[in-house]
Amino acid sequence: MSGPAGATPHASSRAAVLDVIRAAGTISRVGLVKATGFTGATISTVVRRLIDDGLVLESGRAESTGGKRRVLLQLNQSSRFAVGVHLDHAGITYVLTNLGGSVVARMSRAGLGTDDPPVIMDRMATEVDALIDGAGIDRSRILGLGLVAPGPMNQSSGMRLSPPTMRHWEDYPLTRVLEDATRLPVVLDNDATAAALGEHWSGDVGGTSTFAALYMGTGIGSGLMVNGITYRGASGNAGEIGHICLDINGPLCWCGARGCTEILAGPGAVVAAARTDARLSRSAGLTESPERPRWLADFAAITRAALRGDGRAKDLLEDSARHLAVATRTLANVMDLEQLVLTGPSLAIAGSIYLPVVQEELNRSFFSRATHSITVRLSRSAATAPAIGAAALVLQSELVPLREGSRLPDNLGDAEPHGHPVSR
C-alpha cells in the first residue's frame, strides 16, 4: 500500500508523471491519479515540485462536469532542451529539441571523411556549441547530448564492428571524449534504434503496441518498439535487418556473412549496379568516385532519374525494394508487427518508390495477414530521424521511468504504483 502522504516521492514517480503529462498534452491531477495509479497525495507533491522546477505549467481549466472545474497541467516545453547528433560517414546531423521533443534548431555538416576520431570530436564540439548558441538557449537548460551511429554499438566504448570506411572508429571511447569536449552528459545508441524512438516520441505511431522503424542511410537497419518500450536485445543491437541473409551464395558482406540485405539492396548496391550501365551513369550524372561517402549523392541522382521516367533506374530501385521487402517480411513475421515506418536519409529520397513495394509484399505474404494487416508509411522526418531520436534518448532519461522490461519496485512507499507498469 502507499506510504504516508508526507513521504518523499521516488524519482521514478516524478518521471512517470512527466511522461503521462507529455503524452496527454494537457491533463488534470485527477487524470494523473487514474493514469499512474499513484495516490492523490503523491500526485499533489510531485506536481508541486515539477511546477517549482519550471517543468510543468498550469494551463487553464477543464470543461465543467457539474462540479469545480479541474486545473489542467502541461509540460513547460521551453524549460529544458536536448541535443541529438547522428554520426555517419556520409554526414553529421545535429538537432536541438525542447522538452516535448519538438525540433527548435537543426544543421547538417560534412561526414567523417578520412579524419581521425579526435579531429572529428573537436569539430563536433564546436558545431554543438554553434547549434546551442545559434538558438539562443542558455546552456544550463540543456539536459544532455544523445549520440547515435551505425551499429553494432557497445554502450561504453562505442563502435565494435563497422563498415570498412569507419574501421578506425572501432573501440574509440566516444562517450567519454565527447562529454569532455562538450561538457554535457552523453548517451550513446544505434542510429536505427534511435530512429524508432524518435517516431514514438513524436506521437506519430499512436497506440501501436509493436512497430518497427525500417532505416536506410548508407546502410540498412531497424529499430523496434514493443508496448512503448524500445527493444534493444542483449547488447543494444536488436533489429539488424541489414544482415538478414537473403542469398546463402551471395556476395560477401563487410560483416563477414554472405548475401545480406545490405549488400544486395543497400544504396551501395544500387549505385554499383548503375555504374555498370554507361548510359544511366551519364544521364544520371553519377560521380566519378565510387567511394561510400558519395553513395547517397549518387543514390539520389538515380532516384531523380527514375522519377523522370528512366526505366533502368526505376528497375534498379524496385529490385532493391523487393529485396528489402522480403527482409522486412521476415522481421514482421518474427515480431508480429502492427506498423512499419520507413525512415533514414535514403528512404527520405526514394521512399515513394520503396513504400508500395514493401506494402505489397506484406499484404501478400505476411504470415498473420488473416488476423491483422501491417500499416506501412513514410516518416515525416526521415532525413533527421536518427538525430531526433538521439535527443529523445536524453529526454527519456528525464521523462520515462522504465527501462526495457523493468517494473517499478513494490517498496517505493508513497510512490508505489500498485504493482502495475506506468501507463504511457
Protein backbone atom coordinates (compact mmCIF):
# COMPACT_ATOMS: atom_id res chain seq x y z
CA MET A 1 0.00 0.00 0.00
CA SER A 2 1.03 3.60 -0.34
CA GLY A 3 3.05 5.22 2.40
CA PRO A 4 2.27 8.34 4.36
CA ALA A 5 1.23 11.42 2.44
CA GLY A 6 4.30 13.32 3.56
CA ALA A 7 6.77 10.77 2.21
CA THR A 8 9.20 11.91 -0.45
CA PRO A 9 8.16 10.55 -3.87
CA HIS A 10 10.67 8.31 -5.60
CA ALA A 11 12.47 9.78 -8.64
CA SER A 12 10.64 7.33 -10.89
CA SER A 13 7.26 8.72 -9.81
CA ARG A 14 8.40 12.14 -10.97
CA ALA A 15 9.47 10.69 -14.31
CA ALA A 16 6.20 8.77 -14.63
CA VAL A 17 4.10 11.86 -14.03
CA LEU A 18 6.14 13.88 -16.51
CA ASP A 19 5.77 11.20 -19.17
CA VAL A 20 1.99 10.99 -18.72
CA ILE A 21 1.69 14.78 -18.98
CA ARG A 22 3.86 14.74 -22.12
CA ALA A 23 1.78 12.04 -23.77
CA ALA A 24 -1.56 13.61 -22.80
CA GLY A 25 -0.74 17.16 -23.82
CA THR A 26 -2.94 18.52 -21.05
CA ILE A 27 -4.26 16.58 -18.06
CA SER A 28 -5.66 17.27 -14.60
CA ARG A 29 -4.30 16.00 -11.31
CA VAL A 30 -7.27 13.63 -11.09
CA GLY A 31 -6.39 12.36 -14.55
CA LEU A 32 -2.82 11.73 -13.37
CA VAL A 33 -4.08 9.67 -10.44
CA LYS A 34 -6.10 7.49 -12.84
CA ALA A 35 -3.28 7.18 -15.38
CA THR A 36 -0.46 6.34 -12.97
CA GLY A 37 -2.14 4.57 -10.07
CA PHE A 38 -0.36 6.88 -7.60
CA THR A 39 -2.23 8.32 -4.65
CA GLY A 40 -3.66 11.82 -4.77
CA ALA A 41 -1.12 12.88 -2.15
CA THR A 42 1.77 11.65 -4.28
CA ILE A 43 0.44 13.40 -7.36
CA SER A 44 -0.01 16.66 -5.45
CA THR A 45 3.55 16.51 -4.10
CA VAL A 46 5.13 15.57 -7.44
CA VAL A 47 3.17 18.15 -9.41
CA ARG A 48 4.02 20.92 -6.93
CA ARG A 49 7.73 20.16 -7.26
CA LEU A 50 7.54 19.95 -11.05
CA ILE A 51 5.89 23.36 -11.15
CA ASP A 52 8.52 24.74 -8.75
CA ASP A 53 11.24 23.37 -11.07
CA GLY A 54 9.60 25.02 -14.07
CA LEU A 55 8.99 21.72 -15.87
CA VAL A 56 5.18 21.86 -15.69
CA LEU A 57 2.68 24.69 -16.09
CA GLU A 58 -0.95 25.14 -15.07
CA SER A 59 -2.71 25.92 -18.34
CA GLY A 60 -6.31 26.73 -17.56
CA ARG A 61 -9.27 24.64 -16.50
CA ALA A 62 -11.14 21.73 -17.99
CA GLU A 63 -14.80 21.91 -19.02
CA SER A 64 -17.14 21.67 -16.06
CA THR A 65 -18.81 18.31 -15.46
CA GLY A 66 -21.10 19.68 -12.78
CA GLY A 67 -18.53 20.32 -10.06
CA LYS A 68 -15.49 22.52 -9.71
CA ARG A 69 -13.56 22.85 -12.99
CA ARG A 70 -10.26 20.97 -12.76
CA VAL A 71 -6.94 22.73 -13.31
CA LEU A 72 -5.10 21.40 -16.37
CA LEU A 73 -1.36 20.74 -16.46
CA GLN A 74 1.04 20.66 -19.38
CA LEU A 75 4.78 20.44 -19.98
CA ASN A 76 6.69 23.69 -20.00
CA GLN A 77 8.33 22.67 -23.24
CA SER A 78 10.85 25.51 -23.27
CA SER A 79 12.13 24.73 -19.79
CA ARG A 80 14.68 22.13 -20.89
CA PHE A 81 16.35 21.09 -24.14
CA ALA A 82 18.39 18.20 -25.53
CA VAL A 83 20.95 17.86 -28.32
CA GLY A 84 20.83 14.95 -30.76
CA VAL A 85 23.72 14.04 -33.06
CA HIS A 86 23.75 11.44 -35.84
CA LEU A 87 27.31 10.46 -36.72
CA ASP A 88 27.70 8.82 -40.12
CA HIS A 89 30.35 8.64 -42.79
CA ALA A 90 28.04 10.43 -45.23
CA GLY A 91 27.32 13.36 -42.90
CA ILE A 92 26.77 14.57 -39.34
CA THR A 93 23.30 15.80 -38.42
CA TYR A 94 22.58 17.91 -35.33
CA VAL A 95 19.23 18.80 -33.78
CA LEU A 96 18.19 20.72 -30.68
CA THR A 97 14.80 19.74 -29.27
CA ASN A 98 12.67 21.11 -26.48
CA LEU A 99 11.31 19.08 -23.58
CA GLY A 100 8.40 17.85 -25.68
CA GLY A 101 10.71 16.58 -28.43
CA SER A 102 9.96 19.33 -30.98
CA VAL A 103 12.96 20.41 -33.06
CA VAL A 104 13.93 24.04 -32.44
CA ALA A 105 17.21 24.05 -34.40
CA ARG A 106 18.99 21.72 -36.79
CA MET A 107 22.01 21.64 -39.04
CA SER A 108 23.91 19.19 -41.24
CA ARG A 109 27.63 19.13 -41.76
CA ALA A 110 30.23 17.12 -43.66
CA GLY A 111 30.71 13.49 -42.71
CA LEU A 112 33.70 11.74 -41.19
CA GLY A 113 35.88 11.57 -44.29
CA THR A 114 39.32 10.18 -43.52
CA ASP A 115 39.90 12.37 -40.46
CA ASP A 116 40.96 10.70 -37.24
CA PRO A 117 38.34 10.47 -34.45
CA PRO A 118 39.95 13.16 -32.23
CA VAL A 119 39.73 15.67 -35.11
CA ILE A 120 36.05 14.84 -35.66
CA MET A 121 35.31 15.08 -31.94
CA ASP A 122 36.81 18.57 -31.78
CA ARG A 123 34.77 19.61 -34.80
CA MET A 124 31.58 18.15 -33.32
CA ALA A 125 32.10 20.02 -30.05
CA THR A 126 32.46 23.29 -31.97
CA GLU A 127 29.35 22.54 -34.03
CA VAL A 128 27.30 21.62 -30.94
CA ASP A 129 28.28 24.95 -29.40
CA ALA A 130 27.20 26.73 -32.60
CA LEU A 131 23.85 24.89 -32.57
CA ILE A 132 23.10 25.89 -28.97
CA ASP A 133 24.38 29.46 -29.29
CA GLY A 134 22.57 29.96 -32.59
CA ALA A 135 19.27 29.00 -30.95
CA GLY A 136 19.92 31.42 -28.10
CA ILE A 137 19.44 28.73 -25.45
CA ASP A 138 21.01 29.05 -22.00
CA ARG A 139 23.40 26.10 -21.68
CA SER A 140 22.16 25.39 -18.14
CA ARG A 141 18.84 24.30 -19.68
CA ILE A 142 20.46 21.60 -21.84
CA LEU A 143 19.84 18.18 -20.28
CA GLY A 144 22.50 16.41 -22.32
CA LEU A 145 23.56 15.09 -25.71
CA GLY A 146 22.44 11.93 -27.46
CA LEU A 147 24.92 10.47 -29.96
CA VAL A 148 23.88 7.77 -32.41
CA ALA A 149 25.90 5.99 -35.10
CA PRO A 150 25.75 2.83 -37.22
CA GLY A 151 25.76 -0.35 -35.16
CA PRO A 152 26.72 -2.64 -33.71
CA MET A 153 27.40 -0.44 -30.72
CA ASN A 154 28.92 -1.03 -27.32
CA GLN A 155 27.30 1.25 -24.77
CA SER A 156 30.60 2.02 -23.04
CA SER A 157 33.25 2.06 -25.75
CA GLY A 158 31.32 2.80 -28.93
CA MET A 159 31.60 1.01 -32.29
CA ARG A 160 32.74 -2.58 -32.14
CA LEU A 161 32.25 -3.63 -35.78
CA SER A 162 31.77 -1.08 -38.51
CA PRO A 163 31.88 -0.69 -42.30
CA PRO A 164 35.42 -0.57 -43.73
CA THR A 165 35.38 3.22 -44.09
CA MET A 166 34.72 3.58 -40.34
CA ARG A 167 37.04 0.88 -39.00
CA HIS A 168 39.32 3.46 -37.40
CA TRP A 169 36.43 4.28 -35.05
CA GLU A 170 36.24 0.79 -33.55
CA ASP A 171 36.66 0.86 -29.76
CA TYR A 172 37.16 4.63 -29.75
CA PRO A 173 35.74 5.93 -26.41
CA LEU A 174 33.07 8.13 -27.99
CA THR A 175 31.08 8.86 -24.85
CA ARG A 176 33.98 9.90 -22.63
CA VAL A 177 35.70 12.05 -25.26
CA LEU A 178 32.53 13.84 -26.33
CA GLU A 179 31.50 14.50 -22.71
CA ASP A 180 34.88 16.10 -22.09
CA ALA A 181 34.70 18.14 -25.29
CA THR A 182 31.12 19.42 -24.93
CA ARG A 183 30.82 19.49 -21.12
CA LEU A 184 27.45 17.75 -21.48
CA PRO A 185 26.28 14.30 -20.32
CA VAL A 186 26.31 11.94 -23.34
CA VAL A 187 24.19 8.87 -24.08
CA LEU A 188 25.10 6.53 -26.95
CA ASP A 189 22.95 4.29 -29.12
CA ASN A 190 22.41 2.68 -32.50
CA ASP A 191 21.04 5.04 -35.18
CA ALA A 192 18.22 2.73 -36.32
CA THR A 193 17.04 2.23 -32.73
CA ALA A 194 17.14 5.99 -32.23
CA ALA A 195 15.03 6.49 -35.36
CA ALA A 196 12.32 4.24 -33.89
CA LEU A 197 12.41 6.10 -30.59
CA GLY A 198 12.09 9.41 -32.42
CA GLU A 199 8.96 8.17 -34.21
CA HIS A 200 7.46 7.03 -30.91
CA TRP A 201 8.39 10.24 -29.11
CA SER A 202 6.75 12.36 -31.83
CA GLY A 203 3.47 10.54 -31.27
CA ASP A 204 3.16 9.58 -34.94
CA VAL A 205 2.72 5.85 -34.21
CA GLY A 206 -0.22 6.39 -31.85
CA GLY A 207 -1.09 3.50 -29.59
CA THR A 208 0.56 0.83 -31.75
CA SER A 209 1.83 -1.95 -29.49
CA THR A 210 4.54 -3.33 -31.80
CA PHE A 211 6.15 -1.33 -34.56
CA ALA A 212 9.46 -1.06 -36.36
CA ALA A 213 11.32 1.79 -38.00
CA LEU A 214 12.96 0.46 -41.15
CA TYR A 215 16.08 2.57 -41.55
CA MET A 216 18.14 3.04 -44.69
CA GLY A 217 21.01 5.52 -44.85
CA THR A 218 24.32 4.32 -46.26
CA GLY A 219 23.40 1.01 -44.60
CA ILE A 220 20.19 -0.75 -43.55
CA GLY A 221 18.86 -1.43 -40.06
CA SER A 222 15.69 -1.29 -37.99
CA GLY A 223 14.60 -0.13 -34.58
CA LEU A 224 11.91 -1.93 -32.59
CA MET A 225 9.33 -0.66 -30.11
CA VAL A 226 7.17 -3.03 -28.05
CA ASN A 227 4.39 -1.57 -25.89
CA GLY A 228 6.04 1.84 -25.97
CA ILE A 229 9.42 0.47 -24.88
CA THR A 230 12.49 0.25 -27.10
CA TYR A 231 13.52 -3.37 -27.62
CA ARG A 232 17.31 -3.43 -27.80
CA GLY A 233 18.28 -7.06 -27.23
CA ALA A 234 21.20 -8.29 -25.14
CA SER A 235 23.73 -5.71 -26.37
CA GLY A 236 21.51 -2.92 -27.68
CA ASN A 237 21.75 -4.07 -31.29
CA ALA A 238 18.40 -5.76 -31.99
CA GLY A 239 16.81 -5.24 -35.41
CA GLU A 240 19.86 -5.61 -37.68
CA ILE A 241 17.69 -6.34 -40.70
CA GLY A 242 20.54 -5.29 -42.98
CA HIS A 243 22.31 -8.51 -42.07
CA ILE A 244 19.47 -10.97 -42.61
CA CYS A 245 20.69 -13.45 -45.22
CA LEU A 246 18.72 -13.37 -48.47
CA ASP A 247 21.12 -15.50 -50.53
CA ILE A 248 23.46 -18.01 -48.90
CA ASN A 249 25.67 -17.95 -52.03
CA GLY A 250 25.50 -14.19 -52.41
CA PRO A 251 28.30 -11.64 -52.30
CA LEU A 252 30.43 -11.24 -49.19
CA CYS A 253 29.20 -8.50 -46.86
CA TRP A 254 31.52 -6.36 -44.73
CA CYS A 255 30.03 -8.03 -41.63
CA GLY A 256 31.60 -11.36 -42.67
CA ALA A 257 28.44 -13.10 -43.89
CA ARG A 258 27.20 -13.65 -47.44
CA GLY A 259 24.06 -12.48 -49.18
CA CYS A 260 23.00 -9.90 -46.56
CA THR A 261 20.14 -7.50 -47.24
CA GLU A 262 22.53 -4.55 -47.11
CA ILE A 263 24.96 -5.92 -49.68
CA LEU A 264 22.10 -6.84 -52.04
CA ALA A 265 19.68 -3.96 -51.51
CA GLY A 266 21.52 -1.06 -49.88
CA PRO A 267 22.29 2.23 -51.64
CA GLY A 268 25.79 0.98 -52.41
CA ALA A 269 24.36 -2.00 -54.31
CA VAL A 270 22.06 0.26 -56.33
CA VAL A 271 24.90 2.66 -57.17
CA ALA A 272 27.29 -0.18 -58.10
CA ALA A 273 24.71 -1.67 -60.46
CA ALA A 274 24.02 1.73 -62.03
CA ARG A 275 27.73 2.24 -62.67
CA THR A 276 27.80 -0.84 -64.89
CA ASP A 277 25.35 0.93 -67.23
CA ALA A 278 27.27 3.65 -69.06
CA ARG A 279 24.12 5.31 -70.40
CA LEU A 280 22.49 5.53 -66.96
CA SER A 281 25.73 6.75 -65.38
CA ARG A 282 25.89 9.59 -67.89
CA SER A 283 22.20 10.52 -67.81
CA ALA A 284 22.02 10.43 -64.02
CA GLY A 285 25.28 12.34 -63.66
CA LEU A 286 26.90 9.86 -61.30
CA THR A 287 30.13 10.98 -59.65
CA GLU A 288 33.42 9.56 -60.83
CA SER A 289 34.37 8.31 -57.37
CA PRO A 290 32.76 5.04 -56.18
CA GLU A 291 33.61 5.81 -52.53
CA ARG A 292 31.00 5.25 -49.83
CA PRO A 293 30.66 8.95 -48.90
CA ARG A 294 29.25 9.58 -52.39
CA TRP A 295 26.72 6.77 -52.26
CA LEU A 296 23.86 8.93 -51.04
CA ALA A 297 24.51 11.62 -53.64
CA ASP A 298 24.61 9.02 -56.40
CA PHE A 299 21.60 7.18 -54.97
CA ALA A 300 19.69 10.47 -55.04
CA ALA A 301 20.75 11.02 -58.66
CA ILE A 302 19.49 7.55 -59.63
CA THR A 303 16.20 8.22 -57.84
CA ARG A 304 15.75 11.50 -59.70
CA ALA A 305 16.38 9.67 -62.97
CA ALA A 306 13.75 7.07 -62.04
CA LEU A 307 11.21 9.74 -61.19
CA ARG A 308 11.91 11.40 -64.56
CA GLY A 309 10.91 8.14 -66.24
CA ASP A 310 14.24 6.34 -66.73
CA GLY A 311 13.20 2.69 -66.84
CA ARG A 312 16.61 1.24 -65.96
CA ALA A 313 16.94 3.47 -62.88
CA LYS A 314 13.45 2.52 -61.76
CA ASP A 315 14.18 -1.19 -62.26
CA LEU A 316 17.30 -0.96 -60.06
CA LEU A 317 15.42 0.78 -57.25
CA GLU A 318 12.47 -1.60 -57.42
CA ASP A 319 14.84 -4.60 -57.34
CA SER A 320 16.41 -3.13 -54.20
CA ALA A 321 12.93 -2.55 -52.77
CA ARG A 322 11.90 -6.16 -53.40
CA HIS A 323 14.95 -7.48 -51.57
CA LEU A 324 14.28 -5.08 -48.72
CA ALA A 325 10.62 -6.09 -48.65
CA VAL A 326 11.50 -9.79 -48.24
CA ALA A 327 13.82 -8.99 -45.34
CA THR A 328 11.10 -6.81 -43.86
CA ARG A 329 8.60 -9.68 -44.09
CA THR A 330 10.99 -11.80 -42.03
CA LEU A 331 11.18 -9.08 -39.39
CA ALA A 332 7.41 -8.63 -39.45
CA ASN A 333 6.82 -12.35 -39.02
CA VAL A 334 9.26 -12.65 -36.11
CA MET A 335 7.94 -9.57 -34.29
CA ASP A 336 4.28 -9.74 -35.41
CA LEU A 337 4.40 -6.05 -36.30
CA GLU A 338 1.39 -3.77 -36.46
CA GLN A 339 3.08 -0.81 -38.12
CA LEU A 340 6.22 -0.13 -40.12
CA VAL A 341 7.75 3.31 -40.65
CA LEU A 342 10.22 3.85 -43.50
CA THR A 343 12.90 6.29 -42.43
CA GLY A 344 16.52 7.36 -42.86
CA PRO A 345 18.27 9.56 -45.47
CA SER A 346 17.95 7.09 -48.37
CA LEU A 347 14.25 6.50 -47.80
CA ALA A 348 13.75 10.24 -47.44
CA ILE A 349 14.99 10.34 -51.04
CA ALA A 350 13.38 7.22 -52.56
CA GLY A 351 10.61 6.31 -50.13
CA SER A 352 7.86 6.88 -52.67
CA ILE A 353 9.33 4.06 -54.78
CA TYR A 354 10.05 1.68 -51.88
CA LEU A 355 6.82 2.06 -49.91
CA PRO A 356 4.37 0.43 -52.37
CA VAL A 357 6.75 -2.49 -52.95
CA VAL A 358 7.15 -3.16 -49.22
CA GLN A 359 3.43 -2.74 -48.58
CA GLU A 360 2.54 -5.14 -51.42
CA GLU A 361 4.92 -7.79 -50.08
CA LEU A 362 3.45 -7.58 -46.60
CA ASN A 363 -0.13 -7.59 -47.91
CA ARG A 364 0.64 -10.69 -49.97
CA SER A 365 2.75 -12.84 -47.69
CA PHE A 366 2.89 -11.57 -44.08
CA PHE A 367 2.16 -14.71 -42.05
CA SER A 368 -0.52 -13.16 -39.80
CA ARG A 369 -2.25 -11.19 -42.57
CA ALA A 370 -5.54 -13.04 -42.00
CA THR A 371 -5.54 -11.75 -38.42
CA HIS A 372 -4.31 -8.22 -38.96
CA SER A 373 -2.63 -6.08 -41.58
CA ILE A 374 0.53 -4.00 -41.25
CA THR A 375 0.39 -0.28 -41.94
CA VAL A 376 3.43 0.98 -43.83
CA ARG A 377 4.12 4.71 -44.05
CA LEU A 378 6.94 7.16 -44.68
CA SER A 379 8.39 9.11 -41.78
CA ARG A 380 7.65 12.83 -41.78
CA SER A 381 11.25 13.43 -40.67
CA ALA A 382 13.12 10.62 -42.42
CA ALA A 383 16.32 12.56 -43.10
CA THR A 384 16.80 13.65 -39.49
CA ALA A 385 15.02 10.83 -37.63
CA PRO A 386 18.17 9.35 -36.00
CA ALA A 387 19.27 12.74 -34.64
CA ILE A 388 15.76 13.45 -33.31
CA GLY A 389 15.77 10.03 -31.66
CA ALA A 390 19.19 10.77 -30.19
CA ALA A 391 17.77 13.85 -28.46
CA ALA A 392 14.78 11.77 -27.34
CA LEU A 393 17.22 9.40 -25.59
CA VAL A 394 18.25 12.30 -23.39
CA LEU A 395 14.67 13.43 -22.78
CA GLN A 396 13.72 9.87 -21.97
CA SER A 397 16.21 9.83 -19.12
CA GLU A 398 14.33 12.78 -17.61
CA LEU A 399 10.79 11.77 -18.50
CA VAL A 400 10.49 7.99 -18.72
CA PRO A 401 10.84 5.85 -15.60
CA LEU A 402 11.16 2.35 -17.04
CA ARG A 403 13.95 0.65 -18.92
CA GLU A 404 13.33 -2.31 -21.18
CA GLY A 405 11.22 -4.92 -19.45
CA SER A 406 11.65 -3.45 -15.97
CA ARG A 407 8.93 -2.66 -13.46
CA LEU A 408 8.87 -0.25 -10.60
CA PRO A 409 9.72 -1.98 -7.31
CA ASP A 410 6.90 -2.72 -4.89
CA ASN A 411 8.55 -0.98 -1.94
CA LEU A 412 8.63 2.63 -3.07
CA GLY A 413 6.44 3.84 -0.23
CA ASP A 414 4.31 6.75 -1.36
CA ALA A 415 5.42 6.32 -4.96
CA GLU A 416 4.15 2.73 -5.29
CA PRO A 417 2.11 2.27 -8.49
CA HIS A 418 0.21 -0.70 -7.00
CA GLY A 419 2.18 -3.26 -8.95
CA HIS A 420 1.29 -2.00 -12.42
CA PRO A 421 3.62 -0.63 -15.09
CA VAL A 422 3.22 3.07 -15.56
CA SER A 423 0.88 3.91 -18.43
CA ARG A 424 2.42 5.50 -21.50
